């Protein structure tokens, strides 16, 4: 039995990711030659476990589900074909790359990369929950077509907040990528406690870099304030937390507090890196700005005085463990790492 791409849906943590336009998986391991002194090449060997990078490109249809996934949150999921007839899932993954592009007059796009550490393929369920009362697990999570709403931003519905001021912008692109390392247990007693080729531990290498590019109309550009952000003489005020908000255009006539937020993104401790003014005949004069921000480990003190540690991405503000119970049950605690 074969399936077309139109019958393919993608699931993360038992939620269907709507608006997917393409999905690709690069799965493999590194192979190195083995040499012996006086003999030379004798064989080749796999010098590491099999890992995969799952790349997803999608249109923004409502809230960005993956935006609230914590950096240290393990994911399950995979492909669902033919409305649940066939599933090809993975047992453990992490979101390592997030990119959003949004411009007035276009449907925003989202690109994510998920690093897959566990097992993957046919026979591994993409939907792991139990849904009593439904004919299948797919029926319990499926999204009806009428619930897949898209938003096309209009003038004023994209806002960037800098230093307590709101600026209407014409478009933006935000890119955030994690550098992570996986730790695999080789001791036999550890291997017996693991399953599906999963990594024993996954470490985030800090700092985490986020890049933000946005375009603003010249008439909304406060050149004095932006100049201050680039001035090394005012380094304490040159570091800002930026928020980018996409409002529902249909609620723009309401007061700010009553407007509907479609999605919101942030960049921590951002510093402006470049400014480019663009002016063409018969076109609006615009200014393009680039910011770069770095996040530190939320479990350790920061180098900046009188500031709290940088919060993790998503909803977890306490680092790798949400509760003491979760920490007590972790493999690090059991294996003596904590």
C-alpha atoms as a PDB file:
ATOM      1  CA  UNK A   1       0.000   0.000   0.000  1.00  0.00           C
ATOM      2  CA  UNK A   2       1.338   3.460  -0.880  1.00  0.00           C
ATOM      3  CA  UNK A   3       0.381   6.898   0.414  1.00  0.00           C
ATOM      4  CA  UNK A   4       0.625  10.320  -1.167  1.00  0.00           C
ATOM      5  CA  UNK A   5       2.088  13.324   0.654  1.00  0.00           C
ATOM      6  CA  UNK A   6      -1.437  14.716   1.031  1.00  0.00           C
ATOM      7  CA  UNK A   7      -2.274  11.777   3.312  1.00  0.00           C
ATOM      8  CA  UNK A   8       0.728  12.398   5.560  1.00  0.00           C
ATOM      9  CA  UNK A   9       0.448  14.109   8.940  1.00  0.00           C
ATOM     10  CA  UNK A  10       3.086  14.802  11.540  1.00  0.00           C
ATOM     11  CA  UNK A  11       2.617  14.325  15.295  1.00  0.00           C
ATOM     12  CA  UNK A  12       4.610  15.646  18.269  1.00  0.00           C
ATOM     13  CA  UNK A  13       3.661  14.559  21.803  1.00  0.00           C
ATOM     14  CA  UNK A  14       0.257  13.402  20.545  1.00  0.00           C
ATOM     15  CA  UNK A  15      -0.518  16.736  18.882  1.00  0.00           C
ATOM     16  CA  UNK A  16      -0.929  16.988  15.132  1.00  0.00           C
ATOM     17  CA  UNK A  17       1.323  19.698  13.699  1.00  0.00           C
ATOM     18  CA  UNK A  18      -0.892  21.514  11.191  1.00  0.00           C
ATOM     19  CA  UNK A  19       0.252  23.374   8.097  1.00  0.00           C
ATOM     20  CA  UNK A  20       3.233  21.121   7.327  1.00  0.00           C
ATOM     21  CA  UNK A  21       4.515  21.670   3.787  1.00  0.00           C
ATOM     22  CA  UNK A  22       7.575  19.404   3.926  1.00  0.00           C
ATOM     23  CA  UNK A  23       9.336  16.985   6.258  1.00  0.00           C
ATOM     24  CA  UNK A  24      12.753  15.423   5.739  1.00  0.00           C
ATOM     25  CA  UNK A  25      14.821  13.034   7.856  1.00  0.00           C
ATOM     26  CA  UNK A  26      18.583  12.624   7.759  1.00  0.00           C
ATOM     27  CA  UNK A  27      19.437   9.538   9.804  1.00  0.00           C
ATOM     28  CA  UNK A  28      22.851   7.922  10.123  1.00  0.00           C
ATOM     29  CA  UNK A  29      26.138   7.544  11.965  1.00  0.00           C
ATOM     30  CA  UNK A  30      29.813   8.294  11.394  1.00  0.00           C
ATOM     31  CA  UNK A  31      32.022   5.519   9.985  1.00  0.00           C
ATOM     32  CA  UNK A  32      35.809   5.686  10.378  1.00  0.00           C
ATOM     33  CA  UNK A  33      38.618   3.457   9.090  1.00  0.00           C
ATOM     34  CA  UNK A  34      40.671   1.362  11.538  1.00  0.00           C
ATOM     35  CA  UNK A  35      44.445   1.272  11.111  1.00  0.00           C
ATOM     36  CA  UNK A  36      47.040  -0.871  12.918  1.00  0.00           C
ATOM     37  CA  UNK A  37      50.728  -0.046  13.182  1.00  0.00           C
ATOM     38  CA  UNK A  38      52.768  -1.982  10.659  1.00  0.00           C
ATOM     39  CA  UNK A  39      49.682  -3.283   8.879  1.00  0.00           C
ATOM     40  CA  UNK A  40      47.630  -0.275   7.840  1.00  0.00           C
ATOM     41  CA  UNK A  41      43.920  -0.390   7.138  1.00  0.00           C
ATOM     42  CA  UNK A  42      42.166  -3.531   8.341  1.00  0.00           C
ATOM     43  CA  UNK A  43      38.507  -2.572   8.769  1.00  0.00           C
ATOM     44  CA  UNK A  44      36.040   0.230   9.362  1.00  0.00           C
ATOM     45  CA  UNK A  45      33.849   0.820  12.383  1.00  0.00           C
ATOM     46  CA  UNK A  46      30.921   2.951  13.506  1.00  0.00           C
ATOM     47  CA  UNK A  47      32.360   5.444  16.000  1.00  0.00           C
ATOM     48  CA  UNK A  48      29.064   6.612  17.476  1.00  0.00           C
ATOM     49  CA  UNK A  49      25.374   5.838  17.876  1.00  0.00           C
ATOM     50  CA  UNK A  50      22.843   6.399  15.121  1.00  0.00           C
ATOM     51  CA  UNK A  51      21.155   9.797  15.317  1.00  0.00           C
ATOM     52  CA  UNK A  52      18.816  11.702  13.045  1.00  0.00           C
ATOM     53  CA  UNK A  53      17.825  15.262  12.174  1.00  0.00           C
ATOM     54  CA  UNK A  54      14.151  15.723  11.384  1.00  0.00           C
ATOM     55  CA  UNK A  55      13.477  18.991   9.504  1.00  0.00           C
ATOM     56  CA  UNK A  56       9.920  20.363   9.383  1.00  0.00           C
ATOM     57  CA  UNK A  57       8.722  23.317   7.294  1.00  0.00           C
ATOM     58  CA  UNK A  58       5.189  24.527   7.927  1.00  0.00           C
ATOM     59  CA  UNK A  59       2.816  27.440   7.686  1.00  0.00           C
ATOM     60  CA  UNK A  60       1.730  29.171  10.869  1.00  0.00           C
ATOM     61  CA  UNK A  61      -1.825  27.986  11.478  1.00  0.00           C
ATOM     62  CA  UNK A  62      -2.740  29.333  14.896  1.00  0.00           C
ATOM     63  CA  UNK A  63      -0.488  28.990  17.978  1.00  0.00           C
ATOM     64  CA  UNK A  64       3.016  27.631  17.419  1.00  0.00           C
ATOM     65  CA  UNK A  65       2.889  24.317  19.301  1.00  0.00           C
ATOM     66  CA  UNK A  66       6.650  23.764  19.306  1.00  0.00           C
ATOM     67  CA  UNK A  67       7.384  27.281  20.598  1.00  0.00           C
ATOM     68  CA  UNK A  68       6.388  26.231  24.123  1.00  0.00           C
ATOM     69  CA  UNK A  69       8.518  23.076  24.133  1.00  0.00           C
ATOM     70  CA  UNK A  70      11.328  23.511  26.661  1.00  0.00           C
ATOM     71  CA  UNK A  71      14.934  23.172  25.535  1.00  0.00           C
ATOM     72  CA  UNK A  72      15.340  20.151  27.799  1.00  0.00           C
ATOM     73  CA  UNK A  73      11.996  18.537  26.985  1.00  0.00           C
ATOM     74  CA  UNK A  74      12.050  15.099  25.401  1.00  0.00           C
ATOM     75  CA  UNK A  75       9.619  14.578  22.528  1.00  0.00           C
ATOM     76  CA  UNK A  76       7.957  11.603  20.891  1.00  0.00           C
ATOM     77  CA  UNK A  77       6.145  11.604  17.572  1.00  0.00           C
ATOM     78  CA  UNK A  78       6.488  10.790  13.910  1.00  0.00           C
ATOM     79  CA  UNK A  79       4.454  10.324  10.748  1.00  0.00           C
ATOM     80  CA  UNK A  80       0.827   9.213  10.548  1.00  0.00           C
ATOM     81  CA  UNK A  81      -0.252   7.995   7.128  1.00  0.00           C
ATOM     82  CA  UNK A  82      -3.717   7.354   5.747  1.00  0.00           C
ATOM     83  CA  UNK A  83      -5.532   8.732   8.815  1.00  0.00           C
ATOM     84  CA  UNK A  84      -3.838   6.321  11.183  1.00  0.00           C
ATOM     85  CA  UNK A  85      -3.524   3.296   8.904  1.00  0.00           C
ATOM     86  CA  UNK A  86       0.264   3.375   9.266  1.00  0.00           C
ATOM     87  CA  UNK A  87       2.560   5.066  11.784  1.00  0.00           C
ATOM     88  CA  UNK A  88       6.333   5.616  11.711  1.00  0.00           C
ATOM     89  CA  UNK A  89       7.445   7.135  14.980  1.00  0.00           C
ATOM     90  CA  UNK A  90      10.487   8.004  17.089  1.00  0.00           C
ATOM     91  CA  UNK A  91      10.971   7.411  20.796  1.00  0.00           C
ATOM     92  CA  UNK A  92      13.086  10.394  21.859  1.00  0.00           C
ATOM     93  CA  UNK A  93      13.944  13.752  20.323  1.00  0.00           C
ATOM     94  CA  UNK A  94      14.792  17.374  21.143  1.00  0.00           C
ATOM     95  CA  UNK A  95      13.984  20.610  19.304  1.00  0.00           C
ATOM     96  CA  UNK A  96      17.412  22.012  18.346  1.00  0.00           C
ATOM     97  CA  UNK A  97      16.477  24.684  15.808  1.00  0.00           C
ATOM     98  CA  UNK A  98      13.604  27.171  15.616  1.00  0.00           C
ATOM     99  CA  UNK A  99      13.161  29.695  12.834  1.00  0.00           C
ATOM    100  CA  UNK A 100      10.138  31.914  12.134  1.00  0.00           C
ATOM    101  CA  UNK A 101       9.695  34.270   9.164  1.00  0.00           C
ATOM    102  CA  UNK A 102       6.780  36.702   9.119  1.00  0.00           C
ATOM    103  CA  UNK A 103       5.979  39.565   6.744  1.00  0.00           C
ATOM    104  CA  UNK A 104       2.951  41.729   6.056  1.00  0.00           C
ATOM    105  CA  UNK A 105       0.746  40.158   3.399  1.00  0.00           C
ATOM    106  CA  UNK A 106       2.209  36.634   3.654  1.00  0.00           C
ATOM    107  CA  UNK A 107       1.339  33.582   5.718  1.00  0.00           C
ATOM    108  CA  UNK A 108       4.159  33.237   8.298  1.00  0.00           C
ATOM    109  CA  UNK A 109       6.387  30.176   7.980  1.00  0.00           C
ATOM    110  CA  UNK A 110       8.085  28.098  10.674  1.00  0.00           C
ATOM    111  CA  UNK A 111      11.126  25.836  10.326  1.00  0.00           C
ATOM    112  CA  UNK A 112      12.112  23.392  13.069  1.00  0.00           C
ATOM    113  CA  UNK A 113      14.791  20.752  13.387  1.00  0.00           C
ATOM    114  CA  UNK A 114      14.331  17.894  15.849  1.00  0.00           C
ATOM    115  CA  UNK A 115      17.374  15.780  16.778  1.00  0.00           C
ATOM    116  CA  UNK A 116      16.238  12.157  17.093  1.00  0.00           C
ATOM    117  CA  UNK A 117      18.178  10.053  19.611  1.00  0.00           C
ATOM    118  CA  UNK A 118      15.903   7.089  20.107  1.00  0.00           C
ATOM    119  CA  UNK A 119      14.616   4.431  17.759  1.00  0.00           C
ATOM    120  CA  UNK A 120      12.762   5.435  14.611  1.00  0.00           C
ATOM    121  CA  UNK A 121      10.773   3.765  11.880  1.00  0.00           C
ATOM    122  CA  UNK A 122       7.816   1.560  11.091  1.00  0.00           C
ATOM    123  CA  UNK A 123       6.342  -0.391  13.971  1.00  0.00           C
ATOM    124  CA  UNK A 124       7.150   2.399  16.444  1.00  0.00           C
ATOM    125  CA  UNK A 125       3.963   4.325  17.303  1.00  0.00           C
ATOM    126  CA  UNK A 126       3.887   8.047  16.585  1.00  0.00           C
ATOM    127  CA  UNK A 127       0.869   8.383  18.900  1.00  0.00           C
ATOM    128  CA  UNK A 128       1.656   7.044  22.363  1.00  0.00           C
ATOM    129  CA  UNK A 129      -1.386   8.054  24.422  1.00  0.00           C
ATOM    130  CA  UNK A 130      -4.575   6.130  25.177  1.00  0.00           C
ATOM    131  CA  UNK A 131      -7.897   7.551  23.988  1.00  0.00           C
ATOM    132  CA  UNK A 132     -10.899   5.559  25.295  1.00  0.00           C
ATOM    133  CA  UNK A 133     -14.117   6.056  23.396  1.00  0.00           C
ATOM    134  CA  UNK A 134     -12.444   6.506  20.020  1.00  0.00           C
ATOM    135  CA  UNK A 135     -12.071   3.911  17.298  1.00  0.00           C
ATOM    136  CA  UNK A 136      -8.329   4.599  17.091  1.00  0.00           C
ATOM    137  CA  UNK A 137      -5.670   6.769  18.715  1.00  0.00           C
ATOM    138  CA  UNK A 138      -5.638   8.897  15.562  1.00  0.00           C
ATOM    139  CA  UNK A 139      -9.348   9.685  15.993  1.00  0.00           C
ATOM    140  CA  UNK A 140      -8.540  10.958  19.492  1.00  0.00           C
ATOM    141  CA  UNK A 141      -6.043  13.606  18.331  1.00  0.00           C
ATOM    142  CA  UNK A 142      -7.049  14.521  14.783  1.00  0.00           C
ATOM    143  CA  UNK A 143      -7.668  18.161  13.913  1.00  0.00           C
ATOM    144  CA  UNK A 144     -10.677  19.112  11.819  1.00  0.00           C
ATOM    145  CA  UNK A 145     -10.053  21.260   8.768  1.00  0.00           C
ATOM    146  CA  UNK A 146     -12.213  24.088  10.072  1.00  0.00           C
ATOM    147  CA  UNK A 147      -9.939  24.337  13.148  1.00  0.00           C
ATOM    148  CA  UNK A 148      -6.848  25.073  11.041  1.00  0.00           C
ATOM    149  CA  UNK A 149      -6.946  28.860  10.820  1.00  0.00           C
ATOM    150  CA  UNK A 150      -4.182  30.833   9.175  1.00  0.00           C
ATOM    151  CA  UNK A 151      -3.278  34.467   9.765  1.00  0.00           C
ATOM    152  CA  UNK A 152      -1.984  36.951   7.196  1.00  0.00           C
ATOM    153  CA  UNK A 153      -0.430  39.908   9.070  1.00  0.00           C
ATOM    154  CA  UNK A 154      -1.506  43.409   8.082  1.00  0.00           C
ATOM    155  CA  UNK A 155      -0.057  46.865   8.746  1.00  0.00           C
ATOM    156  CA  UNK A 156       0.380  47.287  12.491  1.00  0.00           C
ATOM    157  CA  UNK A 157      -0.286  43.671  13.483  1.00  0.00           C
ATOM    158  CA  UNK A 158       3.424  42.809  13.913  1.00  0.00           C
ATOM    159  CA  UNK A 159       5.049  44.585  16.860  1.00  0.00           C
ATOM    160  CA  UNK A 160       8.517  44.494  18.403  1.00  0.00           C
ATOM    161  CA  UNK A 161       8.940  45.673  21.999  1.00  0.00           C
ATOM    162  CA  UNK A 162      12.310  47.290  22.794  1.00  0.00           C
ATOM    163  CA  UNK A 163      13.077  48.994  26.072  1.00  0.00           C
ATOM    164  CA  UNK A 164       9.413  49.313  26.980  1.00  0.00           C
ATOM    165  CA  UNK A 165       8.499  50.884  23.612  1.00  0.00           C
ATOM    166  CA  UNK A 166       6.350  49.285  20.911  1.00  0.00           C
ATOM    167  CA  UNK A 167       7.327  49.570  17.235  1.00  0.00           C
ATOM    168  CA  UNK A 168       5.151  48.527  14.315  1.00  0.00           C
ATOM    169  CA  UNK A 169       7.368  46.546  11.941  1.00  0.00           C
ATOM    170  CA  UNK A 170       6.968  45.314   8.382  1.00  0.00           C
ATOM    171  CA  UNK A 171       8.387  41.834   8.936  1.00  0.00           C
ATOM    172  CA  UNK A 172      10.906  39.780  10.886  1.00  0.00           C
ATOM    173  CA  UNK A 173      12.922  36.559  10.939  1.00  0.00           C
ATOM    174  CA  UNK A 174      14.080  34.998  14.205  1.00  0.00           C
ATOM    175  CA  UNK A 175      16.519  32.097  14.355  1.00  0.00           C
ATOM    176  CA  UNK A 176      17.518  30.136  17.464  1.00  0.00           C
ATOM    177  CA  UNK A 177      19.761  27.056  17.417  1.00  0.00           C
ATOM    178  CA  UNK A 178      20.984  24.833  20.240  1.00  0.00           C
ATOM    179  CA  UNK A 179      24.399  23.223  20.432  1.00  0.00           C
ATOM    180  CA  UNK A 180      23.839  19.920  22.213  1.00  0.00           C
ATOM    181  CA  UNK A 181      25.832  16.812  23.055  1.00  0.00           C
ATOM    182  CA  UNK A 182      24.443  13.371  23.807  1.00  0.00           C
ATOM    183  CA  UNK A 183      25.934  11.047  26.420  1.00  0.00           C
ATOM    184  CA  UNK A 184      25.567   7.308  25.859  1.00  0.00           C
ATOM    185  CA  UNK A 185      26.173   4.742  28.608  1.00  0.00           C
ATOM    186  CA  UNK A 186      28.617   1.925  27.787  1.00  0.00           C
ATOM    187  CA  UNK A 187      28.544   0.161  31.150  1.00  0.00           C
ATOM    188  CA  UNK A 188      26.431  -2.998  30.881  1.00  0.00           C
ATOM    189  CA  UNK A 189      24.368  -2.246  33.991  1.00  0.00           C
ATOM    190  CA  UNK A 190      23.437   1.119  32.462  1.00  0.00           C
ATOM    191  CA  UNK A 191      22.616  -0.363  29.087  1.00  0.00           C
ATOM    192  CA  UNK A 192      20.131  -2.733  30.687  1.00  0.00           C
ATOM    193  CA  UNK A 193      18.159   0.232  32.035  1.00  0.00           C
ATOM    194  CA  UNK A 194      17.989   2.008  28.672  1.00  0.00           C
ATOM    195  CA  UNK A 195      15.721   1.222  25.766  1.00  0.00           C
ATOM    196  CA  UNK A 196      15.361   1.906  22.066  1.00  0.00           C
ATOM    197  CA  UNK A 197      18.958   3.128  21.675  1.00  0.00           C
ATOM    198  CA  UNK A 198      18.204   6.269  23.660  1.00  0.00           C
ATOM    199  CA  UNK A 199      20.903   8.618  24.941  1.00  0.00           C
ATOM    200  CA  UNK A 200      21.617   8.403  28.671  1.00  0.00           C
ATOM    201  CA  UNK A 201      21.787  12.194  28.954  1.00  0.00           C
ATOM    202  CA  UNK A 202      21.641  15.222  26.624  1.00  0.00           C
ATOM    203  CA  UNK A 203      23.635  18.327  27.520  1.00  0.00           C
ATOM    204  CA  UNK A 204      22.940  21.846  26.207  1.00  0.00           C
ATOM    205  CA  UNK A 205      26.140  23.756  25.472  1.00  0.00           C
ATOM    206  CA  UNK A 206      25.720  27.372  26.582  1.00  0.00           C
ATOM    207  CA  UNK A 207      25.422  30.164  25.666  1.00  0.00           C
ATOM    208  CA  UNK A 208      22.490  29.756  23.265  1.00  0.00           C
ATOM    209  CA  UNK A 209      22.496  32.264  20.418  1.00  0.00           C
ATOM    210  CA  UNK A 210      19.372  33.875  18.967  1.00  0.00           C
ATOM    211  CA  UNK A 211      19.367  36.131  15.910  1.00  0.00           C
ATOM    212  CA  UNK A 212      16.590  38.572  15.045  1.00  0.00           C
ATOM    213  CA  UNK A 213      16.283  40.546  11.822  1.00  0.00           C
ATOM    214  CA  UNK A 214      13.382  42.920  11.273  1.00  0.00           C
ATOM    215  CA  UNK A 215      12.376  45.719   8.926  1.00  0.00           C
ATOM    216  CA  UNK A 216      10.713  48.927  10.055  1.00  0.00           C
ATOM    217  CA  UNK A 217       9.371  51.964   8.242  1.00  0.00           C
ATOM    218  CA  UNK A 218      11.643  55.010   8.419  1.00  0.00           C
ATOM    219  CA  UNK A 219       8.885  57.097  10.021  1.00  0.00           C
ATOM    220  CA  UNK A 220       8.700  54.654  12.966  1.00  0.00           C
ATOM    221  CA  UNK A 221      12.462  54.461  13.438  1.00  0.00           C
ATOM    222  CA  UNK A 222      13.872  56.171  16.533  1.00  0.00           C
ATOM    223  CA  UNK A 223      17.473  56.584  15.411  1.00  0.00           C
ATOM    224  CA  UNK A 224      18.624  58.134  18.696  1.00  0.00           C
ATOM    225  CA  UNK A 225      17.483  55.231  20.851  1.00  0.00           C
ATOM    226  CA  UNK A 226      18.887  52.647  18.417  1.00  0.00           C
ATOM    227  CA  UNK A 227      22.197  54.508  18.401  1.00  0.00           C
ATOM    228  CA  UNK A 228      22.319  54.241  22.179  1.00  0.00           C
ATOM    229  CA  UNK A 229      21.893  50.484  21.910  1.00  0.00           C
ATOM    230  CA  UNK A 230      25.067  50.324  19.791  1.00  0.00           C
ATOM    231  CA  UNK A 231      27.135  52.631  22.035  1.00  0.00           C
ATOM    232  CA  UNK A 232      29.743  50.839  24.133  1.00  0.00           C
ATOM    233  CA  UNK A 233      29.763  53.798  26.531  1.00  0.00           C
ATOM    234  CA  UNK A 234      26.274  52.753  27.626  1.00  0.00           C
ATOM    235  CA  UNK A 235      26.885  49.004  27.824  1.00  0.00           C
ATOM    236  CA  UNK A 236      24.549  48.555  30.810  1.00  0.00           C
ATOM    237  CA  UNK A 237      21.609  49.932  28.795  1.00  0.00           C
ATOM    238  CA  UNK A 238      22.740  48.314  25.548  1.00  0.00           C
ATOM    239  CA  UNK A 239      21.452  44.903  26.595  1.00  0.00           C
ATOM    240  CA  UNK A 240      17.725  44.512  26.062  1.00  0.00           C
ATOM    241  CA  UNK A 241      15.130  41.747  26.144  1.00  0.00           C
ATOM    242  CA  UNK A 242      13.051  41.951  22.960  1.00  0.00           C
ATOM    243  CA  UNK A 243       9.557  40.592  22.403  1.00  0.00           C
ATOM    244  CA  UNK A 244       8.024  40.084  18.964  1.00  0.00           C
ATOM    245  CA  UNK A 245       4.244  39.852  18.930  1.00  0.00           C
ATOM    246  CA  UNK A 246       1.958  38.794  16.091  1.00  0.00           C
ATOM    247  CA  UNK A 247      -1.595  40.029  16.671  1.00  0.00           C
ATOM    248  CA  UNK A 248      -4.721  38.742  14.978  1.00  0.00           C
ATOM    249  CA  UNK A 249      -5.432  41.461  12.363  1.00  0.00           C
ATOM    250  CA  UNK A 250      -9.157  41.141  13.017  1.00  0.00           C
ATOM    251  CA  UNK A 251      -8.668  42.447  16.590  1.00  0.00           C
ATOM    252  CA  UNK A 252      -6.439  45.430  15.759  1.00  0.00           C
ATOM    253  CA  UNK A 253      -9.346  47.825  16.282  1.00  0.00           C
ATOM    254  CA  UNK A 254      -9.494  46.824  19.950  1.00  0.00           C
ATOM    255  CA  UNK A 255      -7.416  48.284  22.799  1.00  0.00           C
ATOM    256  CA  UNK A 256      -4.030  46.580  23.152  1.00  0.00           C
ATOM    257  CA  UNK A 257      -5.123  44.594  26.202  1.00  0.00           C
ATOM    258  CA  UNK A 258      -8.068  43.146  24.277  1.00  0.00           C
ATOM    259  CA  UNK A 259      -6.199  42.130  21.139  1.00  0.00           C
ATOM    260  CA  UNK A 260      -5.678  38.446  20.374  1.00  0.00           C
ATOM    261  CA  UNK A 261      -2.036  37.348  20.273  1.00  0.00           C
ATOM    262  CA  UNK A 262      -1.454  34.661  17.648  1.00  0.00           C
ATOM    263  CA  UNK A 263       2.167  33.989  18.634  1.00  0.00           C
ATOM    264  CA  UNK A 264       4.888  35.699  20.636  1.00  0.00           C
ATOM    265  CA  UNK A 265       8.661  35.216  20.493  1.00  0.00           C
ATOM    266  CA  UNK A 266      11.545  36.651  22.499  1.00  0.00           C
ATOM    267  CA  UNK A 267      15.268  37.234  22.343  1.00  0.00           C
ATOM    268  CA  UNK A 268      17.193  37.499  25.607  1.00  0.00           C
ATOM    269  CA  UNK A 269      19.909  40.081  26.273  1.00  0.00           C
ATOM    270  CA  UNK A 270      19.873  41.278  22.708  1.00  0.00           C
ATOM    271  CA  UNK A 271      22.407  43.701  21.321  1.00  0.00           C
ATOM    272  CA  UNK A 272      22.015  45.444  17.995  1.00  0.00           C
ATOM    273  CA  UNK A 273      24.654  44.318  15.505  1.00  0.00           C
ATOM    274  CA  UNK A 274      23.802  46.191  12.301  1.00  0.00           C
ATOM    275  CA  UNK A 275      21.485  48.795  10.787  1.00  0.00           C
ATOM    276  CA  UNK A 276      20.809  49.184   7.065  1.00  0.00           C
ATOM    277  CA  UNK A 277      18.675  51.934   5.521  1.00  0.00           C
ATOM    278  CA  UNK A 278      16.984  51.191   2.196  1.00  0.00           C
ATOM    279  CA  UNK A 279      15.499  53.867  -0.064  1.00  0.00           C
ATOM    280  CA  UNK A 280      14.302  53.389  -3.644  1.00  0.00           C
ATOM    281  CA  UNK A 281      12.280  55.521  -6.033  1.00  0.00           C
ATOM    282  CA  UNK A 282       8.518  54.969  -5.681  1.00  0.00           C
ATOM    283  CA  UNK A 283       9.099  52.763  -2.613  1.00  0.00           C
ATOM    284  CA  UNK A 284       8.784  53.319   1.111  1.00  0.00           C
ATOM    285  CA  UNK A 285      12.042  54.093   2.900  1.00  0.00           C
ATOM    286  CA  UNK A 286      12.775  51.296   5.338  1.00  0.00           C
ATOM    287  CA  UNK A 287      15.397  50.386   7.910  1.00  0.00           C
ATOM    288  CA  UNK A 288      16.604  46.802   8.460  1.00  0.00           C
ATOM    289  CA  UNK A 289      18.024  45.950  11.873  1.00  0.00           C
ATOM    290  CA  UNK A 290      19.809  42.880  13.209  1.00  0.00           C
ATOM    291  CA  UNK A 291      20.016  41.872  16.864  1.00  0.00           C
ATOM    292  CA  UNK A 292      21.952  39.038  18.507  1.00  0.00           C
ATOM    293  CA  UNK A 293      21.231  37.680  21.980  1.00  0.00           C
ATOM    294  CA  UNK A 294      22.850  35.021  24.170  1.00  0.00           C
ATOM    295  CA  UNK A 295      21.218  32.959  26.904  1.00  0.00           C
ATOM    296  CA  UNK A 296      23.200  31.517  29.793  1.00  0.00           C
ATOM    297  CA  UNK A 297      22.632  28.313  31.741  1.00  0.00           C
ATOM    298  CA  UNK A 298      19.521  28.813  33.946  1.00  0.00           C
ATOM    299  CA  UNK A 299      21.085  26.627  36.651  1.00  0.00           C
ATOM    300  CA  UNK A 300      24.148  28.841  37.213  1.00  0.00           C
ATOM    301  CA  UNK A 301      24.693  32.523  38.143  1.00  0.00           C
ATOM    302  CA  UNK A 302      25.180  34.981  35.298  1.00  0.00           C
ATOM    303  CA  UNK A 303      28.171  37.220  34.724  1.00  0.00           C
ATOM    304  CA  UNK A 304      25.948  40.296  34.914  1.00  0.00           C
ATOM    305  CA  UNK A 305      25.549  41.778  38.377  1.00  0.00           C
ATOM    306  CA  UNK A 306      22.137  42.132  40.038  1.00  0.00           C
ATOM    307  CA  UNK A 307      20.368  39.967  37.463  1.00  0.00           C
ATOM    308  CA  UNK A 308      18.629  36.627  37.730  1.00  0.00           C
ATOM    309  CA  UNK A 309      19.711  33.651  35.573  1.00  0.00           C
ATOM    310  CA  UNK A 310      18.410  33.506  32.047  1.00  0.00           C
ATOM    311  CA  UNK A 311      15.132  31.527  31.887  1.00  0.00           C
ATOM    312  CA  UNK A 312      14.961  28.435  29.709  1.00  0.00           C
ATOM    313  CA  UNK A 313      13.111  28.617  26.418  1.00  0.00           C
ATOM    314  CA  UNK A 314       9.472  27.608  26.738  1.00  0.00           C
ATOM    315  CA  UNK A 315       7.641  27.445  30.044  1.00  0.00           C
ATOM    316  CA  UNK A 316      10.222  25.857  32.387  1.00  0.00           C
ATOM    317  CA  UNK A 317      12.058  28.505  34.439  1.00  0.00           C
ATOM    318  CA  UNK A 318      13.907  26.084  36.748  1.00  0.00           C
ATOM    319  CA  UNK A 319      16.393  24.360  34.463  1.00  0.00           C
ATOM    320  CA  UNK A 320      16.504  20.665  33.635  1.00  0.00           C
ATOM    321  CA  UNK A 321      14.001  19.432  36.249  1.00  0.00           C
ATOM    322  CA  UNK A 322      10.503  20.724  36.895  1.00  0.00           C
ATOM    323  CA  UNK A 323      10.014  19.193  40.336  1.00  0.00           C
ATOM    324  CA  UNK A 324      12.126  17.573  43.056  1.00  0.00           C
ATOM    325  CA  UNK A 325      10.283  14.308  42.403  1.00  0.00           C
ATOM    326  CA  UNK A 326      11.335  14.374  38.750  1.00  0.00           C
ATOM    327  CA  UNK A 327      14.935  15.003  39.786  1.00  0.00           C
ATOM    328  CA  UNK A 328      14.841  12.151  42.307  1.00  0.00           C
ATOM    329  CA  UNK A 329      13.629   9.732  39.615  1.00  0.00           C
ATOM    330  CA  UNK A 330      16.126  10.886  36.982  1.00  0.00           C
ATOM    331  CA  UNK A 331      18.766   8.576  35.547  1.00  0.00           C
ATOM    332  CA  UNK A 332      21.453  11.031  36.696  1.00  0.00           C
ATOM    333  CA  UNK A 333      20.360  10.534  40.311  1.00  0.00           C
ATOM    334  CA  UNK A 334      20.150   6.743  39.932  1.00  0.00           C
ATOM    335  CA  UNK A 335      23.561   6.499  38.272  1.00  0.00           C
ATOM    336  CA  UNK A 336      25.249   8.783  40.792  1.00  0.00           C
ATOM    337  CA  UNK A 337      25.555  11.842  38.624  1.00  0.00           C
ATOM    338  CA  UNK A 338      23.708  14.075  41.117  1.00  0.00           C
END
